[in-house]
Protein backbone atom coordinates (compact mmCIF):
# COMPACT_ATOMS: atom_id res chain seq x y z
CA MET A 1 -133.90 -87.61 -53.65
CA SER A 2 -133.38 -86.93 -49.97
CA GLU A 3 -134.46 -89.47 -47.38
CA GLU A 4 -137.78 -88.91 -45.64
CA PRO A 5 -137.35 -87.20 -42.26
CA GLU A 6 -137.43 -89.41 -39.18
CA LEU A 7 -139.90 -87.09 -37.48
CA LEU A 8 -142.95 -85.53 -39.12
CA PHE A 9 -144.55 -82.41 -37.68
CA GLU A 10 -147.76 -80.89 -38.98
CA VAL A 11 -150.21 -78.33 -37.67
CA ASP A 12 -153.86 -78.22 -38.68
CA GLY A 13 -155.72 -75.38 -37.04
CA HIS A 14 -155.11 -75.63 -33.29
CA VAL A 15 -153.86 -79.26 -33.37
CA ALA A 16 -150.28 -80.40 -33.93
CA VAL A 17 -149.45 -83.99 -34.92
CA ILE A 18 -145.99 -85.39 -34.21
CA THR A 19 -145.28 -88.65 -36.05
CA LEU A 20 -142.28 -90.87 -35.31
CA ASN A 21 -141.28 -91.87 -38.82
CA ARG A 22 -139.03 -94.96 -38.93
CA PRO A 23 -141.67 -97.59 -39.66
CA GLN A 24 -139.07 -100.03 -41.02
CA LYS A 25 -137.43 -99.96 -37.54
CA LEU A 26 -140.70 -99.96 -35.57
CA ASN A 27 -140.20 -96.20 -35.08
CA ALA A 28 -137.27 -96.80 -32.70
CA VAL A 29 -135.82 -93.48 -31.61
CA THR A 30 -132.30 -92.40 -32.51
CA PRO A 31 -130.51 -89.56 -30.68
CA GLU A 32 -131.27 -87.32 -33.65
CA MET A 33 -134.97 -88.19 -33.40
CA ALA A 34 -134.91 -87.48 -29.67
CA HIS A 35 -133.57 -83.98 -30.37
CA ALA A 36 -136.23 -83.52 -33.06
CA VAL A 37 -138.96 -84.47 -30.57
CA GLU A 38 -137.58 -81.94 -28.11
CA ALA A 39 -137.59 -79.26 -30.80
CA ALA A 40 -141.15 -80.09 -31.90
CA ILE A 41 -142.43 -79.94 -28.32
CA ALA A 42 -140.64 -76.62 -27.79
CA GLU A 43 -142.35 -75.26 -30.91
CA CYS A 44 -145.73 -76.41 -29.60
CA ASP A 45 -145.14 -74.78 -26.23
CA ALA A 46 -144.03 -71.49 -27.84
CA SER A 47 -147.08 -71.32 -30.12
CA GLU A 48 -150.27 -69.49 -29.19
CA THR A 49 -152.01 -71.23 -32.09
CA ILE A 50 -151.32 -74.84 -31.09
CA ARG A 51 -153.62 -75.93 -28.28
CA CYS A 52 -153.34 -79.73 -28.32
CA VAL A 53 -150.70 -82.21 -29.52
CA VAL A 54 -151.20 -85.72 -30.93
CA ILE A 55 -148.25 -88.12 -30.96
CA THR A 56 -148.29 -91.27 -33.08
CA GLY A 57 -146.08 -93.60 -35.10
CA ALA A 58 -145.84 -94.11 -38.84
CA GLY A 59 -147.12 -97.33 -40.35
CA GLU A 60 -149.36 -100.03 -38.91
CA LYS A 61 -146.92 -102.11 -36.87
CA ALA A 62 -145.63 -99.77 -34.19
CA PHE A 63 -146.19 -96.61 -32.23
CA CYS A 64 -142.61 -96.76 -30.99
CA ALA A 65 -140.23 -99.55 -29.97
CA GLY A 66 -138.26 -97.23 -27.69
CA SER A 67 -134.68 -96.15 -28.16
CA ASP A 68 -132.78 -97.73 -31.04
CA ILE A 69 -130.64 -100.22 -29.09
CA ARG A 70 -127.89 -100.07 -31.69
CA THR A 71 -127.23 -96.43 -30.76
CA LEU A 72 -126.89 -96.97 -27.01
CA ASP A 73 -123.26 -98.10 -27.14
CA GLY A 74 -122.42 -94.74 -28.68
CA TYR A 75 -122.37 -93.09 -25.26
CA LYS A 76 -118.78 -92.97 -24.03
CA THR A 77 -119.56 -93.19 -20.32
CA PRO A 78 -122.51 -94.18 -18.11
CA TRP A 79 -122.69 -90.55 -16.98
CA GLN A 80 -123.06 -89.37 -20.57
CA PHE A 81 -125.82 -91.95 -21.00
CA ARG A 82 -127.47 -90.73 -17.79
CA ASN A 83 -127.51 -87.10 -19.00
CA ARG A 84 -128.61 -87.71 -22.58
CA GLY A 85 -131.52 -85.77 -24.02
CA ASP A 86 -134.67 -87.78 -23.31
CA TYR A 87 -137.69 -87.70 -25.58
CA CYS A 88 -139.98 -88.96 -22.81
CA ASP A 89 -138.99 -86.01 -20.63
CA ALA A 90 -139.77 -83.63 -23.48
CA VAL A 91 -143.26 -85.08 -23.95
CA ARG A 92 -143.99 -85.23 -20.22
CA LEU A 93 -142.98 -81.59 -19.73
CA CYS A 94 -145.03 -80.28 -22.67
CA ARG A 95 -147.35 -77.53 -21.42
CA LYS A 96 -150.02 -78.29 -24.00
CA PRO A 97 -152.40 -81.24 -23.55
CA THR A 98 -151.07 -84.32 -25.33
CA ILE A 99 -152.73 -87.42 -26.79
CA ALA A 100 -150.93 -90.65 -27.66
CA ALA A 101 -152.47 -92.51 -30.60
CA VAL A 102 -150.88 -95.91 -30.07
CA ASN A 103 -150.80 -97.95 -33.27
CA GLY A 104 -149.15 -101.34 -32.79
CA TYR A 105 -146.17 -101.90 -30.50
CA ALA A 106 -145.41 -99.49 -27.65
CA LEU A 107 -142.28 -100.99 -26.15
CA GLY A 108 -139.82 -99.66 -23.58
CA GLY A 109 -139.32 -95.97 -24.27
CA GLY A 110 -142.31 -96.13 -26.61
CA LEU A 111 -144.52 -97.16 -23.69
CA GLU A 112 -142.93 -94.43 -21.58
CA THR A 113 -143.64 -91.91 -24.34
CA ALA A 114 -147.28 -92.95 -24.43
CA MET A 115 -147.51 -92.71 -20.64
CA SER A 116 -145.93 -89.25 -20.81
CA CYS A 117 -149.02 -88.11 -22.71
CA ASP A 118 -152.13 -86.96 -20.88
CA ILE A 119 -154.55 -89.17 -22.81
CA ARG A 120 -153.87 -92.50 -24.48
CA ILE A 121 -156.00 -94.29 -27.05
CA ALA A 122 -154.97 -97.47 -28.85
CA SER A 123 -155.69 -99.46 -31.97
CA THR A 124 -156.89 -103.04 -31.63
CA ASN A 125 -153.45 -104.32 -32.67
CA ALA A 126 -151.60 -102.32 -29.99
CA ARG A 127 -149.24 -104.17 -27.68
CA PHE A 128 -147.61 -102.68 -24.59
CA ALA A 129 -144.45 -103.96 -22.90
CA ALA A 130 -141.56 -103.01 -20.62
CA PRO A 131 -139.02 -105.45 -22.12
CA GLU A 132 -135.83 -103.89 -20.73
CA ILE A 133 -135.42 -106.64 -18.12
CA LYS A 134 -134.94 -109.13 -20.96
CA LEU A 135 -131.88 -107.17 -22.06
CA GLY A 136 -130.34 -106.64 -18.64
CA TRP A 137 -131.58 -103.24 -17.54
CA ILE A 138 -134.76 -101.39 -16.57
CA GLY A 139 -136.67 -98.46 -17.99
CA GLY A 140 -135.41 -94.95 -17.27
CA GLY A 141 -138.05 -92.64 -18.72
CA GLY A 142 -140.67 -93.03 -16.01
CA MET A 143 -141.61 -96.67 -16.54
CA ALA A 144 -142.23 -97.67 -12.91
CA ALA A 145 -143.84 -94.38 -11.91
CA GLY A 146 -146.05 -94.25 -14.98
CA LEU A 147 -147.23 -97.84 -14.79
CA SER A 148 -147.82 -97.72 -11.04
CA HIS A 149 -149.97 -94.60 -11.42
CA SER A 150 -151.84 -96.00 -14.41
CA ILE A 151 -152.43 -99.68 -13.68
CA GLY A 152 -151.56 -100.27 -10.02
CA ALA A 153 -148.60 -101.82 -8.27
CA SER A 154 -149.29 -105.48 -9.02
CA ASN A 155 -149.97 -105.02 -12.73
CA ALA A 156 -146.95 -102.70 -13.00
CA ALA A 157 -144.76 -105.34 -11.35
CA LEU A 158 -146.12 -108.02 -13.67
CA MET A 159 -145.18 -106.00 -16.74
CA ILE A 160 -141.79 -104.77 -15.51
CA LEU A 161 -140.58 -108.04 -13.98
CA THR A 162 -141.64 -110.30 -16.85
CA GLY A 163 -141.10 -107.91 -19.74
CA ASP A 164 -144.00 -109.60 -21.50
CA PRO A 165 -146.55 -107.64 -23.56
CA VAL A 166 -150.21 -107.01 -22.86
CA ASP A 167 -152.81 -106.46 -25.56
CA ALA A 168 -154.98 -103.42 -26.12
CA GLU A 169 -158.07 -104.73 -24.33
CA THR A 170 -156.03 -105.70 -21.28
CA ALA A 171 -154.45 -102.26 -21.31
CA ARG A 172 -157.88 -100.65 -21.43
CA GLY A 173 -159.18 -102.85 -18.63
CA TRP A 174 -156.21 -101.89 -16.48
CA GLY A 175 -156.61 -98.18 -17.20
CA LEU A 176 -153.46 -97.78 -19.29
CA VAL A 177 -155.51 -96.48 -22.24
CA SER A 178 -158.89 -94.77 -22.36
CA GLU A 179 -160.21 -96.21 -25.62
CA VAL A 180 -159.52 -98.95 -28.14
CA THR A 181 -160.50 -98.38 -31.75
CA ALA A 182 -159.94 -99.90 -35.17
CA LEU A 183 -156.51 -99.11 -36.60
CA GLY A 184 -158.01 -97.23 -39.53
CA ASP A 185 -160.00 -94.99 -37.18
CA LEU A 186 -157.27 -94.33 -34.64
CA LEU A 187 -155.75 -91.08 -35.87
CA ALA A 188 -159.13 -89.62 -36.76
CA ARG A 189 -160.38 -90.38 -33.26
CA ALA A 190 -157.27 -88.84 -31.71
CA ARG A 191 -157.73 -85.73 -33.83
CA ALA A 192 -161.39 -85.54 -32.85
CA ILE A 193 -160.52 -85.59 -29.14
CA ALA A 194 -157.78 -83.02 -29.77
CA GLU A 195 -160.22 -80.74 -31.59
CA VAL A 196 -162.60 -80.84 -28.61
CA ILE A 197 -159.77 -79.96 -26.22
CA ALA A 198 -158.54 -77.23 -28.60
CA SER A 199 -162.02 -75.67 -28.58
CA ARG A 200 -161.84 -75.13 -24.82
CA ALA A 201 -160.13 -72.21 -23.11
CA PRO A 202 -156.42 -72.87 -23.74
CA ILE A 203 -155.07 -71.33 -20.53
CA ALA A 204 -157.62 -73.35 -18.56
CA ALA A 205 -156.57 -76.52 -20.42
CA GLU A 206 -152.89 -75.96 -19.64
CA THR A 207 -153.74 -75.14 -16.03
CA ALA A 208 -155.90 -78.26 -15.76
CA LYS A 209 -152.90 -80.29 -16.93
CA LEU A 210 -150.79 -78.78 -14.13
CA ASN A 211 -153.57 -79.55 -11.69
CA LEU A 212 -153.77 -83.20 -12.76
CA LYS A 213 -150.03 -83.60 -12.24
CA ALA A 214 -150.27 -82.00 -8.81
CA ALA A 215 -153.06 -84.38 -7.85
CA HIS A 216 -150.59 -87.26 -8.24
CA ALA A 217 -147.63 -85.56 -6.62
CA MET A 218 -149.10 -83.72 -3.62
CA PRO A 219 -150.82 -84.75 -0.41
CA TYR A 220 -154.59 -84.42 -0.76
CA GLU A 221 -155.10 -81.20 1.22
CA LYS A 222 -152.17 -79.49 -0.49
CA ALA A 223 -153.47 -80.59 -3.88
CA VAL A 224 -156.88 -79.04 -3.14
CA GLU A 225 -155.20 -75.82 -1.99
CA TYR A 226 -153.08 -75.72 -5.15
CA GLU A 227 -156.16 -76.38 -7.28
CA ARG A 228 -157.92 -73.39 -5.71
CA ASP A 229 -154.93 -71.17 -6.46
CA LEU A 230 -154.91 -72.36 -10.08
CA GLN A 231 -158.65 -71.77 -10.33
CA THR A 232 -158.15 -68.19 -9.14
CA ILE A 233 -155.49 -67.58 -11.78
CA CYS A 234 -157.80 -68.92 -14.51
CA PHE A 235 -160.75 -66.94 -13.23
CA ALA A 236 -158.80 -63.70 -13.74
CA THR A 237 -158.03 -64.31 -17.43
CA GLU A 238 -159.70 -62.60 -20.37
CA ASP A 239 -160.82 -66.01 -21.62
CA ALA A 240 -162.67 -66.66 -18.36
CA ARG A 241 -164.43 -63.31 -18.67
CA GLU A 242 -165.30 -64.24 -22.25
CA GLY A 243 -166.67 -67.57 -21.08
CA ARG A 244 -168.92 -65.92 -18.52
CA ALA A 245 -170.09 -63.31 -21.04
CA ALA A 246 -170.82 -65.98 -23.66
CA PHE A 247 -172.82 -67.96 -21.12
CA ALA A 248 -174.89 -64.91 -20.21
CA GLU A 249 -175.44 -64.02 -23.87
CA LYS A 250 -176.21 -67.63 -24.85
CA ARG A 251 -173.51 -67.80 -27.55
CA ALA A 252 -170.37 -69.81 -28.20
CA PRO A 253 -167.29 -68.33 -26.53
CA VAL A 254 -164.31 -67.11 -28.55
CA PHE A 255 -161.17 -67.88 -26.58
CA LYS A 256 -158.01 -65.89 -27.41
CA TYR A 257 -155.37 -67.39 -25.08
CA ARG A 258 -155.44 -64.26 -22.92
């Protein structure tokens, strides 16, 4: 019998679920898994059926413990390491809305993967840490930027400079995650949120994601100007016309990604 794949990918209706599948290794990511994540995200982006993506880890212990440290010495030069394919980049650049369902440990690149998602929910046993400093380096998948945006400069510094974990309730209080739920309910809750997002106009959802990113990256007045341009683009779509017609006719809209 062949070994179980290290990445699981399933689509149910308009929702895709990507599962990191090395539970015996806390779902640590190998280079092959990183490429598989990139391929799965590319498939999601190319699909007109998929409208929201959930990312989670197999098992109860871990969402993801980051890159498999044993594979890092396989890069022949620091420059090759610098230019490796990065799973966090793939998730962050996904056009479709993404939800991280964090079950257990989210460490290093696992935390960066979660922060690369648009929405994060966690199980009660979730633990979040930036432990790279304990091993002699720092995160490279957006750790400082993601934490500073999510939890503020002081809390980000506390996590990055100590490398120590915080629990799920602390993460929620700091704004790192939106919700904390029982482990057994986590994936169902993530799917439920994804289904709601998938029921909305998909072009508007993708545009809203662009707008949220711009709100972080641009000066305020430029961000408002960009938002108005994006609104105009959405307003001209067939889905927007359908939304207005459905409102006038007092019926549910049928969005077609047009």
